[in-house]
Amino acid sequence: MKRLLAVALGILTAIGGFVDIGDIVANAESGARFGISHAWVLVVGVVGICVYAEMCGRVSAVSNRPVFDLVRERLGPRVALANLGGALLVTVLTLGAEIGGVGLALQLATSVHYLLWVPVVAFVLWVALWRVKFSVLENVFGLVGLTLIVFLIAAFRLDADSGALWHQATHPGPGAGEDWGTY
């Protein structure tokens, strides 16, 4: 059982990788407005992340140094600080989106306004980060993430019109009543 739990994060990554509540909320809104015509964004994003990770791995392997250390050395401390600032900004925005997304999910489950859930969610997250071992967090979130398989099952069980889905995926563009600015 311990080995099964040890590969949970790898399985999660293999079936969709790091899909979080912010992604689910954004994808639900996008899917409701544009159907599956945004599928190309997923492909570009996955390929981009794979290429970037491979590039960073090769640079680190050849130089025996972290990529950030090379950025600081080659491009200077200002560019390195801008790099760190951008990474921090994205991380803080993602954290806010995650906490808000969990608050929205709890609002749907309890009918209590999501802003009342935000401090509770933040406190539970803080306690979990300080008191729970990383390996436990990794395995719990990995196994809970496997519940995303329900979306794959739902796609087949809802008997969606596969011809219409294929048409949307192969003809990207705004739908009826939408313009290119919102697309």
N, C-alpha and C. Protein backbone atom coordinates (compact mmCIF):
# COMPACT_ATOMS: atom_id res chain seq x y z
N MET A 1 0.83 -1.20 0.00
CA MET A 1 0.00 0.00 0.00
C MET A 1 0.87 1.26 0.00
N LYS A 2 2.00 1.18 0.72
CA LYS A 2 2.88 2.35 0.78
C LYS A 2 3.45 2.69 -0.59
N ARG A 3 3.76 1.65 -1.38
CA ARG A 3 4.26 1.91 -2.73
C ARG A 3 3.20 2.53 -3.62
N LEU A 4 1.95 2.08 -3.45
CA LEU A 4 0.85 2.64 -4.22
C LEU A 4 0.68 4.12 -3.89
N LEU A 5 0.78 4.45 -2.61
CA LEU A 5 0.67 5.85 -2.21
C LEU A 5 1.86 6.67 -2.72
N ALA A 6 3.01 6.03 -2.83
CA ALA A 6 4.21 6.75 -3.27
C ALA A 6 4.11 7.19 -4.73
N VAL A 7 3.35 6.47 -5.54
CA VAL A 7 3.24 6.83 -6.95
C VAL A 7 1.99 7.65 -7.24
N ALA A 8 1.23 8.02 -6.20
CA ALA A 8 -0.02 8.74 -6.42
C ALA A 8 0.20 10.06 -7.15
N LEU A 9 1.23 10.80 -6.77
CA LEU A 9 1.48 12.07 -7.43
C LEU A 9 1.87 11.87 -8.89
N GLY A 10 2.64 10.83 -9.17
CA GLY A 10 3.00 10.54 -10.56
C GLY A 10 1.78 10.17 -11.39
N ILE A 11 0.87 9.43 -10.81
CA ILE A 11 -0.36 9.07 -11.52
C ILE A 11 -1.18 10.32 -11.79
N LEU A 12 -1.29 11.18 -10.77
CA LEU A 12 -2.03 12.42 -10.95
C LEU A 12 -1.43 13.25 -12.08
N THR A 13 -0.12 13.35 -12.10
CA THR A 13 0.55 14.11 -13.15
C THR A 13 0.29 13.49 -14.52
N ALA A 14 0.30 12.18 -14.58
CA ALA A 14 0.09 11.50 -15.85
C ALA A 14 -1.32 11.70 -16.40
N ILE A 15 -2.33 11.82 -15.53
CA ILE A 15 -3.70 11.95 -16.04
C ILE A 15 -4.15 13.38 -16.20
N GLY A 16 -3.34 14.33 -15.89
CA GLY A 16 -3.80 15.69 -16.11
C GLY A 16 -2.95 16.71 -15.43
N GLY A 17 -2.20 16.29 -14.50
CA GLY A 17 -1.19 17.09 -13.85
C GLY A 17 -1.59 18.43 -13.30
N PHE A 18 -1.46 18.57 -12.05
CA PHE A 18 -1.56 19.85 -11.35
C PHE A 18 -2.78 20.66 -11.76
N VAL A 19 -3.89 20.00 -11.91
CA VAL A 19 -5.15 20.69 -12.16
C VAL A 19 -5.68 21.11 -10.80
N ASP A 20 -5.89 22.39 -10.62
CA ASP A 20 -6.31 22.88 -9.32
C ASP A 20 -7.68 23.54 -9.43
N ILE A 21 -8.20 23.98 -8.30
CA ILE A 21 -9.55 24.52 -8.27
C ILE A 21 -9.66 25.77 -9.15
N GLY A 22 -8.60 26.57 -9.21
CA GLY A 22 -8.62 27.74 -10.09
C GLY A 22 -8.77 27.35 -11.55
N ASP A 23 -8.06 26.29 -11.95
CA ASP A 23 -8.19 25.78 -13.31
C ASP A 23 -9.59 25.25 -13.58
N ILE A 24 -10.14 24.54 -12.60
CA ILE A 24 -11.46 23.96 -12.79
C ILE A 24 -12.51 25.05 -12.96
N VAL A 25 -12.44 26.09 -12.12
CA VAL A 25 -13.41 27.19 -12.22
C VAL A 25 -13.25 27.92 -13.55
N ALA A 26 -12.00 28.23 -13.93
CA ALA A 26 -11.77 28.94 -15.19
C ALA A 26 -12.18 28.08 -16.39
N ASN A 27 -11.87 26.79 -16.35
CA ASN A 27 -12.23 25.91 -17.45
C ASN A 27 -13.74 25.71 -17.55
N ALA A 28 -14.42 25.69 -16.41
CA ALA A 28 -15.88 25.56 -16.44
C ALA A 28 -16.50 26.79 -17.10
N GLU A 29 -16.02 27.97 -16.76
CA GLU A 29 -16.53 29.20 -17.37
C GLU A 29 -16.22 29.23 -18.86
N SER A 30 -14.99 28.89 -19.21
CA SER A 30 -14.59 28.89 -20.61
C SER A 30 -15.37 27.85 -21.41
N GLY A 31 -15.55 26.67 -20.84
CA GLY A 31 -16.30 25.62 -21.52
C GLY A 31 -17.76 25.98 -21.72
N ALA A 32 -18.33 26.67 -20.73
CA ALA A 32 -19.73 27.07 -20.86
C ALA A 32 -19.90 28.12 -21.96
N ARG A 33 -18.90 28.96 -22.14
CA ARG A 33 -19.01 30.03 -23.14
C ARG A 33 -18.55 29.60 -24.52
N PHE A 34 -17.50 28.79 -24.60
CA PHE A 34 -16.87 28.52 -25.90
C PHE A 34 -16.84 27.04 -26.28
N GLY A 35 -17.43 26.16 -25.49
CA GLY A 35 -17.38 24.74 -25.80
C GLY A 35 -15.96 24.22 -25.65
N ILE A 36 -15.57 23.36 -26.57
CA ILE A 36 -14.24 22.77 -26.49
C ILE A 36 -13.27 23.44 -27.47
N SER A 37 -13.65 24.61 -27.97
CA SER A 37 -12.80 25.27 -28.97
C SER A 37 -11.50 25.82 -28.37
N HIS A 38 -11.36 25.80 -27.04
CA HIS A 38 -10.11 26.22 -26.40
C HIS A 38 -9.17 25.04 -26.14
N ALA A 39 -9.45 23.89 -26.70
CA ALA A 39 -8.61 22.72 -26.46
C ALA A 39 -7.18 22.94 -26.93
N TRP A 40 -6.99 23.74 -27.95
CA TRP A 40 -5.65 24.01 -28.48
C TRP A 40 -4.77 24.69 -27.43
N VAL A 41 -5.37 25.46 -26.52
CA VAL A 41 -4.59 26.13 -25.47
C VAL A 41 -3.94 25.09 -24.56
N LEU A 42 -4.67 24.03 -24.25
CA LEU A 42 -4.14 22.96 -23.42
C LEU A 42 -2.93 22.31 -24.09
N VAL A 43 -3.04 22.05 -25.37
CA VAL A 43 -1.94 21.41 -26.10
C VAL A 43 -0.72 22.32 -26.11
N VAL A 44 -0.91 23.60 -26.41
CA VAL A 44 0.22 24.54 -26.43
C VAL A 44 0.84 24.65 -25.04
N GLY A 45 0.01 24.72 -24.01
CA GLY A 45 0.52 24.83 -22.65
C GLY A 45 1.32 23.62 -22.21
N VAL A 46 0.81 22.43 -22.50
CA VAL A 46 1.51 21.21 -22.11
C VAL A 46 2.84 21.10 -22.85
N VAL A 47 2.83 21.36 -24.14
CA VAL A 47 4.08 21.30 -24.91
C VAL A 47 5.06 22.35 -24.40
N GLY A 48 4.58 23.56 -24.13
CA GLY A 48 5.45 24.62 -23.62
C GLY A 48 6.07 24.27 -22.28
N ILE A 49 5.28 23.72 -21.37
CA ILE A 49 5.82 23.34 -20.06
C ILE A 49 6.84 22.21 -20.21
N CYS A 50 6.55 21.25 -21.07
CA CYS A 50 7.49 20.14 -21.28
C CYS A 50 8.81 20.64 -21.86
N VAL A 51 8.74 21.51 -22.85
CA VAL A 51 9.96 22.05 -23.46
C VAL A 51 10.75 22.86 -22.44
N TYR A 52 10.07 23.70 -21.66
CA TYR A 52 10.76 24.52 -20.65
C TYR A 52 11.41 23.64 -19.58
N ALA A 53 10.69 22.62 -19.10
CA ALA A 53 11.25 21.74 -18.08
C ALA A 53 12.46 20.98 -18.62
N GLU A 54 12.36 20.51 -19.85
CA GLU A 54 13.48 19.80 -20.47
C GLU A 54 14.69 20.72 -20.63
N MET A 55 14.44 21.95 -21.08
CA MET A 55 15.52 22.91 -21.26
C MET A 55 16.20 23.21 -19.93
N CYS A 56 15.41 23.46 -18.89
CA CYS A 56 15.99 23.76 -17.57
C CYS A 56 16.77 22.57 -17.03
N GLY A 57 16.24 21.37 -17.24
CA GLY A 57 16.95 20.18 -16.79
C GLY A 57 18.28 20.01 -17.48
N ARG A 58 18.32 20.25 -18.78
CA ARG A 58 19.58 20.13 -19.51
C ARG A 58 20.59 21.19 -19.09
N VAL A 59 20.12 22.42 -18.93
CA VAL A 59 21.02 23.50 -18.51
C VAL A 59 21.59 23.19 -17.14
N SER A 60 20.75 22.73 -16.22
CA SER A 60 21.22 22.41 -14.87
C SER A 60 22.17 21.22 -14.88
N ALA A 61 21.88 20.22 -15.70
CA ALA A 61 22.73 19.03 -15.76
C ALA A 61 24.11 19.36 -16.32
N VAL A 62 24.16 20.20 -17.34
CA VAL A 62 25.43 20.53 -17.97
C VAL A 62 26.26 21.46 -17.09
N SER A 63 25.61 22.43 -16.46
CA SER A 63 26.35 23.43 -15.68
C SER A 63 26.52 23.06 -14.22
N ASN A 64 25.80 22.04 -13.76
CA ASN A 64 25.82 21.66 -12.34
C ASN A 64 25.40 22.80 -11.43
N ARG A 65 24.54 23.66 -11.93
CA ARG A 65 24.05 24.81 -11.15
C ARG A 65 22.58 25.02 -11.45
N PRO A 66 21.85 25.61 -10.50
CA PRO A 66 20.44 25.92 -10.76
C PRO A 66 20.30 26.98 -11.85
N VAL A 67 19.18 26.96 -12.54
CA VAL A 67 18.94 27.91 -13.62
C VAL A 67 18.93 29.35 -13.10
N PHE A 68 18.33 29.57 -11.94
CA PHE A 68 18.29 30.93 -11.40
C PHE A 68 19.69 31.47 -11.15
N ASP A 69 20.60 30.62 -10.69
CA ASP A 69 21.98 31.05 -10.45
C ASP A 69 22.62 31.50 -11.76
N LEU A 70 22.35 30.80 -12.84
CA LEU A 70 22.89 31.19 -14.14
C LEU A 70 22.27 32.49 -14.64
N VAL A 71 20.96 32.66 -14.40
CA VAL A 71 20.31 33.91 -14.80
C VAL A 71 20.95 35.08 -14.07
N ARG A 72 21.17 34.92 -12.77
CA ARG A 72 21.78 36.00 -11.99
C ARG A 72 23.20 36.30 -12.47
N GLU A 73 23.95 35.25 -12.77
CA GLU A 73 25.34 35.46 -13.21
C GLU A 73 25.42 36.08 -14.60
N ARG A 74 24.63 35.57 -15.54
CA ARG A 74 24.73 36.01 -16.93
C ARG A 74 23.99 37.30 -17.23
N LEU A 75 22.83 37.50 -16.60
CA LEU A 75 21.99 38.66 -16.93
C LEU A 75 21.99 39.74 -15.87
N GLY A 76 22.59 39.46 -14.73
CA GLY A 76 22.71 40.48 -13.70
C GLY A 76 21.66 40.36 -12.60
N PRO A 77 21.92 41.04 -11.49
CA PRO A 77 21.02 40.92 -10.34
C PRO A 77 19.65 41.56 -10.57
N ARG A 78 19.57 42.59 -11.41
CA ARG A 78 18.26 43.22 -11.66
C ARG A 78 17.32 42.28 -12.39
N VAL A 79 17.82 41.61 -13.40
CA VAL A 79 16.99 40.65 -14.14
C VAL A 79 16.63 39.47 -13.23
N ALA A 80 17.60 39.04 -12.41
CA ALA A 80 17.32 37.94 -11.48
C ALA A 80 16.25 38.35 -10.47
N LEU A 81 16.32 39.59 -9.98
CA LEU A 81 15.31 40.07 -9.04
C LEU A 81 13.94 40.19 -9.72
N ALA A 82 13.92 40.65 -10.96
CA ALA A 82 12.66 40.71 -11.71
C ALA A 82 12.09 39.31 -11.90
N ASN A 83 12.97 38.34 -12.17
CA ASN A 83 12.55 36.95 -12.31
C ASN A 83 11.93 36.44 -11.02
N LEU A 84 12.58 36.70 -9.90
CA LEU A 84 12.04 36.28 -8.61
C LEU A 84 10.74 37.00 -8.28
N GLY A 85 10.68 38.29 -8.59
CA GLY A 85 9.46 39.06 -8.35
C GLY A 85 8.29 38.54 -9.15
N GLY A 86 8.54 38.21 -10.42
CA GLY A 86 7.48 37.64 -11.25
C GLY A 86 7.01 36.30 -10.73
N ALA A 87 7.97 35.46 -10.33
CA ALA A 87 7.60 34.15 -9.78
C ALA A 87 6.80 34.30 -8.49
N LEU A 88 7.19 35.24 -7.64
CA LEU A 88 6.46 35.48 -6.39
C LEU A 88 5.06 35.99 -6.68
N LEU A 89 4.93 36.91 -7.63
CA LEU A 89 3.62 37.44 -7.98
C LEU A 89 2.68 36.34 -8.49
N VAL A 90 3.19 35.50 -9.37
CA VAL A 90 2.37 34.41 -9.90
C VAL A 90 1.98 33.44 -8.79
N THR A 91 2.91 33.17 -7.88
CA THR A 91 2.62 32.26 -6.77
C THR A 91 1.55 32.82 -5.85
N VAL A 92 1.65 34.11 -5.52
CA VAL A 92 0.66 34.74 -4.64
C VAL A 92 -0.71 34.79 -5.32
N LEU A 93 -0.74 35.12 -6.61
CA LEU A 93 -2.01 35.12 -7.33
C LEU A 93 -2.63 33.72 -7.39
N THR A 94 -1.80 32.71 -7.60
CA THR A 94 -2.29 31.34 -7.62
C THR A 94 -2.83 30.94 -6.25
N LEU A 95 -2.13 31.31 -5.19
CA LEU A 95 -2.59 31.01 -3.84
C LEU A 95 -3.95 31.65 -3.58
N GLY A 96 -4.09 32.91 -3.97
CA GLY A 96 -5.38 33.59 -3.81
C GLY A 96 -6.49 32.92 -4.60
N ALA A 97 -6.17 32.52 -5.83
CA ALA A 97 -7.17 31.84 -6.66
C ALA A 97 -7.56 30.49 -6.06
N GLU A 98 -6.59 29.79 -5.50
CA GLU A 98 -6.87 28.49 -4.89
C GLU A 98 -7.78 28.64 -3.67
N ILE A 99 -7.44 29.58 -2.80
CA ILE A 99 -8.25 29.79 -1.59
C ILE A 99 -9.65 30.25 -1.97
N GLY A 100 -9.74 31.18 -2.91
CA GLY A 100 -11.05 31.63 -3.38
C GLY A 100 -11.84 30.53 -4.05
N GLY A 101 -11.17 29.68 -4.82
CA GLY A 101 -11.85 28.57 -5.49
C GLY A 101 -12.40 27.56 -4.50
N VAL A 102 -11.63 27.26 -3.47
CA VAL A 102 -12.14 26.35 -2.44
C VAL A 102 -13.32 26.99 -1.72
N GLY A 103 -13.22 28.31 -1.47
CA GLY A 103 -14.35 29.02 -0.86
C GLY A 103 -15.60 28.94 -1.74
N LEU A 104 -15.43 29.09 -3.05
CA LEU A 104 -16.57 28.97 -3.97
C LEU A 104 -17.16 27.56 -3.97
N ALA A 105 -16.29 26.56 -3.92
CA ALA A 105 -16.79 25.18 -3.87
C ALA A 105 -17.56 24.93 -2.58
N LEU A 106 -17.05 25.46 -1.47
CA LEU A 106 -17.76 25.29 -0.20
C LEU A 106 -19.07 26.08 -0.19
N GLN A 107 -19.11 27.21 -0.88
CA GLN A 107 -20.36 27.96 -1.00
C GLN A 107 -21.41 27.13 -1.73
N LEU A 108 -21.00 26.46 -2.80
CA LEU A 108 -21.94 25.61 -3.53
C LEU A 108 -22.45 24.46 -2.66
N ALA A 109 -21.59 23.95 -1.79
CA ALA A 109 -21.98 22.81 -0.95
C ALA A 109 -22.82 23.22 0.25
N THR A 110 -22.63 24.46 0.75
CA THR A 110 -23.27 24.83 2.02
C THR A 110 -24.20 26.03 1.92
N SER A 111 -24.20 26.77 0.84
CA SER A 111 -24.98 28.01 0.66
C SER A 111 -24.52 29.13 1.59
N VAL A 112 -23.34 29.02 2.17
CA VAL A 112 -22.74 30.09 2.96
C VAL A 112 -21.84 30.88 2.02
N HIS A 113 -21.89 32.21 2.08
CA HIS A 113 -21.15 33.06 1.15
C HIS A 113 -19.66 32.70 1.17
N TYR A 114 -19.05 32.70 -0.01
CA TYR A 114 -17.66 32.26 -0.13
C TYR A 114 -16.68 33.12 0.65
N LEU A 115 -16.97 34.41 0.81
CA LEU A 115 -16.05 35.26 1.57
C LEU A 115 -15.99 34.87 3.04
N LEU A 116 -17.01 34.22 3.55
CA LEU A 116 -16.95 33.72 4.92
C LEU A 116 -16.10 32.46 5.01
N TRP A 117 -15.98 31.73 3.90
CA TRP A 117 -15.16 30.53 3.89
C TRP A 117 -13.68 30.82 3.69
N VAL A 118 -13.35 31.94 3.09
CA VAL A 118 -11.95 32.23 2.76
C VAL A 118 -11.04 32.20 3.98
N PRO A 119 -11.37 32.89 5.11
CA PRO A 119 -10.47 32.80 6.27
C PRO A 119 -10.37 31.39 6.84
N VAL A 120 -11.46 30.65 6.79
CA VAL A 120 -11.44 29.27 7.30
C VAL A 120 -10.51 28.41 6.45
N VAL A 121 -10.64 28.53 5.14
CA VAL A 121 -9.79 27.77 4.23
C VAL A 121 -8.33 28.16 4.40
N ALA A 122 -8.05 29.45 4.52
CA ALA A 122 -6.67 29.90 4.71
C ALA A 122 -6.09 29.35 6.01
N PHE A 123 -6.88 29.33 7.08
CA PHE A 123 -6.41 28.80 8.36
C PHE A 123 -6.13 27.30 8.26
N VAL A 124 -7.03 26.55 7.65
CA VAL A 124 -6.82 25.10 7.50
C VAL A 124 -5.58 24.84 6.66
N LEU A 125 -5.39 25.60 5.61
CA LEU A 125 -4.19 25.46 4.78
C LEU A 125 -2.93 25.75 5.58
N TRP A 126 -2.96 26.81 6.37
CA TRP A 126 -1.80 27.17 7.19
C TRP A 126 -1.47 26.06 8.17
N VAL A 127 -2.49 25.52 8.85
CA VAL A 127 -2.26 24.43 9.81
C VAL A 127 -1.70 23.20 9.08
N ALA A 128 -2.25 22.88 7.94
CA ALA A 128 -1.78 21.71 7.19
C ALA A 128 -0.33 21.89 6.76
N LEU A 129 0.03 23.07 6.32
CA LEU A 129 1.41 23.29 5.86
C LEU A 129 2.41 23.24 7.01
N TRP A 130 2.01 23.64 8.19
CA TRP A 130 2.94 23.68 9.31
C TRP A 130 2.97 22.39 10.11
N ARG A 131 1.89 21.60 10.10
CA ARG A 131 1.80 20.44 10.98
C ARG A 131 1.86 19.09 10.28
N VAL A 132 1.60 19.03 9.00
CA VAL A 132 1.53 17.75 8.30
C VAL A 132 2.81 17.56 7.49
N LYS A 133 3.33 16.33 7.50
CA LYS A 133 4.53 16.02 6.73
C LYS A 133 4.25 16.17 5.24
N PHE A 134 5.28 16.56 4.50
CA PHE A 134 5.12 16.77 3.06
C PHE A 134 4.70 15.50 2.35
N SER A 135 5.26 14.36 2.75
CA SER A 135 4.90 13.10 2.07
C SER A 135 3.42 12.78 2.24
N VAL A 136 2.86 13.10 3.41
CA VAL A 136 1.42 12.88 3.62
C VAL A 136 0.61 13.82 2.74
N LEU A 137 0.99 15.10 2.71
CA LEU A 137 0.29 16.06 1.85
C LEU A 137 0.35 15.63 0.39
N GLU A 138 1.53 15.23 -0.04
CA GLU A 138 1.72 14.82 -1.43
C GLU A 138 0.81 13.65 -1.79
N ASN A 139 0.75 12.66 -0.92
CA ASN A 139 -0.07 11.48 -1.21
C ASN A 139 -1.55 11.77 -1.11
N VAL A 140 -1.97 12.54 -0.12
CA VAL A 140 -3.39 12.86 0.03
C VAL A 140 -3.87 13.67 -1.16
N PHE A 141 -3.13 14.74 -1.52
CA PHE A 141 -3.55 15.55 -2.65
C PHE A 141 -3.46 14.78 -3.96
N GLY A 142 -2.49 13.88 -4.07
CA GLY A 142 -2.40 13.05 -5.27
C GLY A 142 -3.59 12.13 -5.42
N LEU A 143 -3.99 11.48 -4.33
CA LEU A 143 -5.14 10.58 -4.39
C LEU A 143 -6.44 11.34 -4.58
N VAL A 144 -6.58 12.48 -3.92
CA VAL A 144 -7.79 13.29 -4.12
C VAL A 144 -7.83 13.81 -5.55
N GLY A 145 -6.66 14.14 -6.10
CA GLY A 145 -6.61 14.60 -7.49
C GLY A 145 -7.06 13.54 -8.48
N LEU A 146 -6.93 12.28 -8.10
CA LEU A 146 -7.40 11.21 -8.98
C LEU A 146 -8.91 11.26 -9.18
N THR A 147 -9.61 11.97 -8.30
CA THR A 147 -11.05 12.10 -8.48
C THR A 147 -11.38 12.89 -9.74
N LEU A 148 -10.39 13.54 -10.33
CA LEU A 148 -10.62 14.25 -11.59
C LEU A 148 -10.98 13.30 -12.72
N ILE A 149 -10.77 12.01 -12.50
CA ILE A 149 -11.17 11.02 -13.49
C ILE A 149 -12.68 11.10 -13.73
N VAL A 150 -13.41 11.63 -12.75
CA VAL A 150 -14.86 11.75 -12.89
C VAL A 150 -15.22 12.59 -14.11
N PHE A 151 -14.38 13.57 -14.48
CA PHE A 151 -14.65 14.37 -15.67
C PHE A 151 -14.55 13.53 -16.93
N LEU A 152 -13.59 12.64 -16.97
CA LEU A 152 -13.45 11.75 -18.12
C LEU A 152 -14.64 10.80 -18.21
N ILE A 153 -15.04 10.26 -17.08
CA ILE A 153 -16.20 9.36 -17.06
C ILE A 153 -17.45 10.12 -17.47
N ALA A 154 -17.61 11.34 -16.97
CA ALA A 154 -18.79 12.14 -17.31
C ALA A 154 -18.86 12.43 -18.81
N ALA A 155 -17.71 12.64 -19.44
CA ALA A 155 -17.71 12.93 -20.87
C ALA A 155 -18.32 11.77 -21.67
N PHE A 156 -18.09 10.55 -21.22
CA PHE A 156 -18.65 9.40 -21.92
C PHE A 156 -20.08 9.09 -21.48
N ARG A 157 -20.37 9.29 -20.20
CA ARG A 157 -21.70 8.94 -19.68
C ARG A 157 -22.78 9.95 -20.08
N LEU A 158 -22.40 11.18 -20.37
CA LEU A 158 -23.39 12.20 -20.72
C LEU A 158 -23.81 12.14 -22.18
N ASP A 159 -23.23 11.23 -22.92
CA ASP A 159 -23.57 11.05 -24.34
C ASP A 159 -23.49 12.37 -25.11
N ALA A 160 -22.36 13.03 -24.99
CA ALA A 160 -22.15 14.28 -25.73
C ALA A 160 -22.07 13.97 -27.22
N ASP A 161 -22.47 14.93 -28.02
CA ASP A 161 -22.40 14.80 -29.48
C ASP A 161 -20.94 14.90 -29.89
N SER A 162 -20.31 13.76 -30.16
CA SER A 162 -18.88 13.76 -30.47
C SER A 162 -18.58 14.51 -31.77
N GLY A 163 -19.50 14.52 -32.70
CA GLY A 163 -19.30 15.28 -33.94
C GLY A 163 -19.23 16.77 -33.68
N ALA A 164 -20.12 17.26 -32.82
CA ALA A 164 -20.10 18.69 -32.47
C ALA A 164 -18.84 19.04 -31.69
N LEU A 165 -18.42 18.14 -30.78
CA LEU A 165 -17.19 18.39 -30.02
C LEU A 165 -15.98 18.43 -30.95
N TRP A 166 -15.92 17.50 -31.90
CA TRP A 166 -14.81 17.47 -32.85
C TRP A 166 -14.81 18.74 -33.71
N HIS A 167 -15.98 19.19 -34.13
CA HIS A 167 -16.08 20.42 -34.92
C HIS A 167 -15.58 21.62 -34.11
N GLN A 168 -15.97 21.71 -32.84
CA GLN A 168 -15.51 22.82 -31.99
C GLN A 168 -14.00 22.78 -31.81
N ALA A 169 -13.46 21.58 -31.61
CA ALA A 169 -12.02 21.45 -31.36
C ALA A 169 -11.20 21.78 -32.60
N THR A 170 -11.73 21.47 -33.78
CA THR A 170 -10.96 21.69 -35.01
C THR A 170 -11.25 23.04 -35.67
N HIS A 171 -12.23 23.77 -35.17
CA HIS A 171 -12.56 25.09 -35.69
C HIS A 171 -12.57 26.10 -34.54
N PRO A 172 -11.39 26.43 -34.02
CA PRO A 172 -11.37 27.36 -32.89
C PRO A 172 -11.83 28.75 -33.30
N GLY A 173 -12.50 29.39 -32.39
CA GLY A 173 -13.00 30.74 -32.62
C GLY A 173 -14.16 31.01 -31.69
N PRO A 174 -14.55 32.26 -31.59
CA PRO A 174 -15.66 32.58 -30.68
C PRO A 174 -16.97 32.00 -31.18
N GLY A 175 -17.81 31.62 -30.22
CA GLY A 175 -19.11 31.06 -30.56
C GLY A 175 -20.11 32.16 -30.85
N ALA A 176 -21.35 31.76 -31.00
CA ALA A 176 -22.42 32.72 -31.28
C ALA A 176 -22.59 33.66 -30.09
N GLY A 177 -22.69 34.94 -30.39
CA GLY A 177 -22.87 35.93 -29.34
C GLY A 177 -21.58 36.35 -28.65
N GLU A 178 -20.45 35.83 -29.07
CA GLU A 178 -19.16 36.19 -28.48
C GLU A 178 -18.30 36.85 -29.56
N ASP A 179 -17.38 37.70 -29.12
CA ASP A 179 -16.46 38.31 -30.08
C ASP A 179 -15.03 37.85 -29.78
N TRP A 180 -14.11 38.26 -30.63
CA TRP A 180 -12.73 37.82 -30.50
C TRP A 180 -12.07 38.36 -29.24
N GLY A 181 -12.55 39.48 -28.74
CA GLY A 181 -11.98 40.04 -27.52
C GLY A 181 -12.22 39.16 -26.30
N THR A 182 -13.38 38.55 -26.22
CA THR A 182 -13.66 37.66 -25.10
C THR A 182 -13.11 36.27 -25.33
N TYR A 183 -12.88 35.91 -26.59
CA TYR A 183 -12.35 34.58 -26.88
C TYR A 183 -10.92 34.49 -26.41
